[in-house]
Amino acid sequence: MLLVPDAPKATQPPRVPPQPRGKPVLSHRRTIRVPPVTPP
């Protein structure tokens, strides 16, 4: 029962996250590097 829901769910999400996740990763990395440089 766990293999059935996990297989179909893991095949669909991986196809959509690759694109939407590519933008958040770059924006999060830029925000973390900027704050540490502005305070000091």
PDB file of N, CA and C in Angstrom:
ATOM      1  N   MET A   1       0.853  -1.201   0.000  1.00  0.00           N
ATOM      2  CA  MET A   1       0.000   0.000   0.000  1.00  0.00           C
ATOM      3  C   MET A   1       0.900   1.267   0.000  1.00  0.00           C
ATOM      4  N   LEU A   2       2.023   1.191   0.673  1.00  0.00           N
ATOM      5  CA  LEU A   2       2.896   2.378   0.738  1.00  0.00           C
ATOM      6  C   LEU A   2       3.673   2.545  -0.580  1.00  0.00           C
ATOM      7  N   LEU A   3       3.904   1.425  -1.269  1.00  0.00           N
ATOM      8  CA  LEU A   3       4.683   1.510  -2.523  1.00  0.00           C
ATOM      9  C   LEU A   3       3.815   2.081  -3.647  1.00  0.00           C
ATOM     10  N   VAL A   4       2.531   1.872  -3.563  1.00  0.00           N
ATOM     11  CA  VAL A   4       1.643   2.354  -4.661  1.00  0.00           C
ATOM     12  C   VAL A   4       1.524   3.887  -4.642  1.00  0.00           C
ATOM     13  N   PRO A   5       1.176   4.497  -3.506  1.00  0.00           N
ATOM     14  CA  PRO A   5       1.030   5.962  -3.426  1.00  0.00           C
ATOM     15  C   PRO A   5       2.383   6.660  -3.550  1.00  0.00           C
ATOM     16  N   ASP A   6       3.446   6.032  -3.090  1.00  0.00           N
ATOM     17  CA  ASP A   6       4.773   6.675  -3.147  1.00  0.00           C
ATOM     18  C   ASP A   6       5.301   6.720  -4.587  1.00  0.00           C
ATOM     19  N   ALA A   7       5.048   5.667  -5.345  1.00  0.00           N
ATOM     20  CA  ALA A   7       5.578   5.593  -6.724  1.00  0.00           C
ATOM     21  C   ALA A   7       4.933   6.676  -7.607  1.00  0.00           C
ATOM     22  N   PRO A   8       3.619   6.769  -7.678  1.00  0.00           N
ATOM     23  CA  PRO A   8       2.941   7.756  -8.518  1.00  0.00           C
ATOM     24  C   PRO A   8       3.226   9.190  -8.047  1.00  0.00           C
ATOM     25  N   LYS A   9       3.367   9.390  -6.788  1.00  0.00           N
ATOM     26  CA  LYS A   9       3.596  10.752  -6.249  1.00  0.00           C
ATOM     27  C   LYS A   9       5.050  11.191  -6.515  1.00  0.00           C
ATOM     28  N   ALA A  10       5.947  10.269  -6.480  1.00  0.00           N
ATOM     29  CA  ALA A  10       7.372  10.623  -6.664  1.00  0.00           C
ATOM     30  C   ALA A  10       7.670  10.852  -8.149  1.00  0.00           C
ATOM     31  N   THR A  11       6.831  10.319  -9.015  1.00  0.00           N
ATOM     32  CA  THR A  11       7.102  10.482 -10.465  1.00  0.00           C
ATOM     33  C   THR A  11       6.540  11.823 -10.954  1.00  0.00           C
ATOM     34  N   GLN A  12       5.472  12.309 -10.372  1.00  0.00           N
ATOM     35  CA  GLN A  12       4.869  13.574 -10.847  1.00  0.00           C
ATOM     36  C   GLN A  12       5.563  14.809 -10.228  1.00  0.00           C
ATOM     37  N   PRO A  13       5.725  14.879  -8.926  1.00  0.00           N
ATOM     38  CA  PRO A  13       6.338  16.052  -8.267  1.00  0.00           C
ATOM     39  C   PRO A  13       7.729  16.371  -8.829  1.00  0.00           C
ATOM     40  N   PRO A  14       8.600  15.389  -8.977  1.00  0.00           N
ATOM     41  CA  PRO A  14       9.980  15.625  -9.471  1.00  0.00           C
ATOM     42  C   PRO A  14       9.973  16.347 -10.825  1.00  0.00           C
ATOM     43  N   ARG A  15       8.922  16.171 -11.603  1.00  0.00           N
ATOM     44  CA  ARG A  15       8.901  16.798 -12.954  1.00  0.00           C
ATOM     45  C   ARG A  15       8.567  18.309 -12.808  1.00  0.00           C
ATOM     46  N   VAL A  16       7.819  18.695 -11.815  1.00  0.00           N
ATOM     47  CA  VAL A  16       7.429  20.121 -11.686  1.00  0.00           C
ATOM     48  C   VAL A  16       8.420  20.908 -10.800  1.00  0.00           C
ATOM     49  N   PRO A  17       8.853  20.365  -9.679  1.00  0.00           N
ATOM     50  CA  PRO A  17       9.776  21.060  -8.758  1.00  0.00           C
ATOM     51  C   PRO A  17      11.073  21.516  -9.448  1.00  0.00           C
ATOM     52  N   PRO A  18      11.641  20.732 -10.342  1.00  0.00           N
ATOM     53  CA  PRO A  18      12.923  21.108 -10.995  1.00  0.00           C
ATOM     54  C   PRO A  18      12.892  22.551 -11.518  1.00  0.00           C
ATOM     55  N   GLN A  19      11.789  23.002 -12.089  1.00  0.00           N
ATOM     56  CA  GLN A  19      11.744  24.370 -12.647  1.00  0.00           C
ATOM     57  C   GLN A  19      11.454  25.413 -11.553  1.00  0.00           C
ATOM     58  N   PRO A  20      10.363  25.263 -10.788  1.00  0.00           N
ATOM     59  CA  PRO A  20      10.008  26.229  -9.729  1.00  0.00           C
ATOM     60  C   PRO A  20      11.074  26.283  -8.646  1.00  0.00           C
ATOM     61  N   ARG A  21      11.742  25.187  -8.390  1.00  0.00           N
ATOM     62  CA  ARG A  21      12.750  25.172  -7.304  1.00  0.00           C
ATOM     63  C   ARG A  21      14.030  25.863  -7.765  1.00  0.00           C
ATOM     64  N   GLY A  22      14.244  25.920  -9.052  1.00  0.00           N
ATOM     65  CA  GLY A  22      15.487  26.536  -9.572  1.00  0.00           C
ATOM     66  C   GLY A  22      15.513  28.037  -9.258  1.00  0.00           C
ATOM     67  N   LYS A  23      14.362  28.679  -9.218  1.00  0.00           N
ATOM     68  CA  LYS A  23      14.328  30.132  -8.949  1.00  0.00           C
ATOM     69  C   LYS A  23      14.485  30.424  -7.449  1.00  0.00           C
ATOM     70  N   PRO A  24      13.745  29.743  -6.587  1.00  0.00           N
ATOM     71  CA  PRO A  24      13.821  29.966  -5.129  1.00  0.00           C
ATOM     72  C   PRO A  24      15.238  29.713  -4.608  1.00  0.00           C
ATOM     73  N   VAL A  25      15.939  28.770  -5.199  1.00  0.00           N
ATOM     74  CA  VAL A  25      17.298  28.432  -4.710  1.00  0.00           C
ATOM     75  C   VAL A  25      18.253  29.604  -4.962  1.00  0.00           C
ATOM     76  N   LEU A  26      18.106  30.248  -6.120  1.00  0.00           N
ATOM     77  CA  LEU A  26      19.016  31.364  -6.450  1.00  0.00           C
ATOM     78  C   LEU A  26      18.645  32.597  -5.608  1.00  0.00           C
ATOM     79  N   SER A  27      17.355  32.801  -5.393  1.00  0.00           N
ATOM     80  CA  SER A  27      16.909  33.980  -4.632  1.00  0.00           C
ATOM     81  C   SER A  27      17.270  33.807  -3.149  1.00  0.00           C
ATOM     82  N   HIS A  28      17.176  32.600  -2.653  1.00  0.00           N
ATOM     83  CA  HIS A  28      17.496  32.372  -1.220  1.00  0.00           C
ATOM     84  C   HIS A  28      18.991  32.533  -0.986  1.00  0.00           C
ATOM     85  N   ARG A  29      19.789  32.092  -1.937  1.00  0.00           N
ATOM     86  CA  ARG A  29      21.257  32.172  -1.770  1.00  0.00           C
ATOM     87  C   ARG A  29      21.698  33.646  -1.848  1.00  0.00           C
ATOM     88  N   ARG A  30      21.023  34.424  -2.631  1.00  0.00           N
ATOM     89  CA  ARG A  30      21.431  35.841  -2.798  1.00  0.00           C
ATOM     90  C   ARG A  30      21.024  36.643  -1.552  1.00  0.00           C
ATOM     91  N   THR A  31      19.898  36.278  -0.955  1.00  0.00           N
ATOM     92  CA  THR A  31      19.423  37.031   0.228  1.00  0.00           C
ATOM     93  C   THR A  31      20.299  36.717   1.441  1.00  0.00           C
ATOM     94  N   ILE A  32      20.798  35.490   1.514  1.00  0.00           N
ATOM     95  CA  ILE A  32      21.620  35.096   2.695  1.00  0.00           C
ATOM     96  C   ILE A  32      23.005  35.757   2.592  1.00  0.00           C
ATOM     97  N   ARG A  33      23.500  35.944   1.373  1.00  0.00           N
ATOM     98  CA  ARG A  33      24.847  36.523   1.200  1.00  0.00           C
ATOM     99  C   ARG A  33      24.778  38.059   1.350  1.00  0.00           C
ATOM    100  N   VAL A  34      23.633  38.632   1.107  1.00  0.00           N
ATOM    101  CA  VAL A  34      23.535  40.113   1.176  1.00  0.00           C
ATOM    102  C   VAL A  34      23.420  40.606   2.635  1.00  0.00           C
ATOM    103  N   PRO A  35      22.536  40.023   3.442  1.00  0.00           N
ATOM    104  CA  PRO A  35      22.368  40.464   4.843  1.00  0.00           C
ATOM    105  C   PRO A  35      23.684  40.446   5.623  1.00  0.00           C
ATOM    106  N   PRO A  36      24.463  39.395   5.562  1.00  0.00           N
ATOM    107  CA  PRO A  36      25.711  39.302   6.336  1.00  0.00           C
ATOM    108  C   PRO A  36      26.706  40.396   5.929  1.00  0.00           C
ATOM    109  N   VAL A  37      26.570  40.921   4.732  1.00  0.00           N
ATOM    110  CA  VAL A  37      27.535  41.939   4.267  1.00  0.00           C
ATOM    111  C   VAL A  37      27.038  43.346   4.597  1.00  0.00           C
ATOM    112  N   THR A  38      25.724  43.527   4.724  1.00  0.00           N
ATOM    113  CA  THR A  38      25.198  44.887   4.988  1.00  0.00           C
ATOM    114  C   THR A  38      25.401  45.305   6.453  1.00  0.00           C
ATOM    115  N   PRO A  39      25.143  44.439   7.430  1.00  0.00           N
ATOM    116  CA  PRO A  39      25.295  44.822   8.855  1.00  0.00           C
ATOM    117  C   PRO A  39      26.723  45.260   9.193  1.00  0.00           C
ATOM    118  N   PRO A  40      27.738  44.486   8.906  1.00  0.00           N
ATOM    119  CA  PRO A  40      29.141  44.839   9.218  1.00  0.00           C
ATOM    120  C   PRO A  40      29.647  45.932   8.271  1.00  0.00           C
TER     121      PRO A  40
END
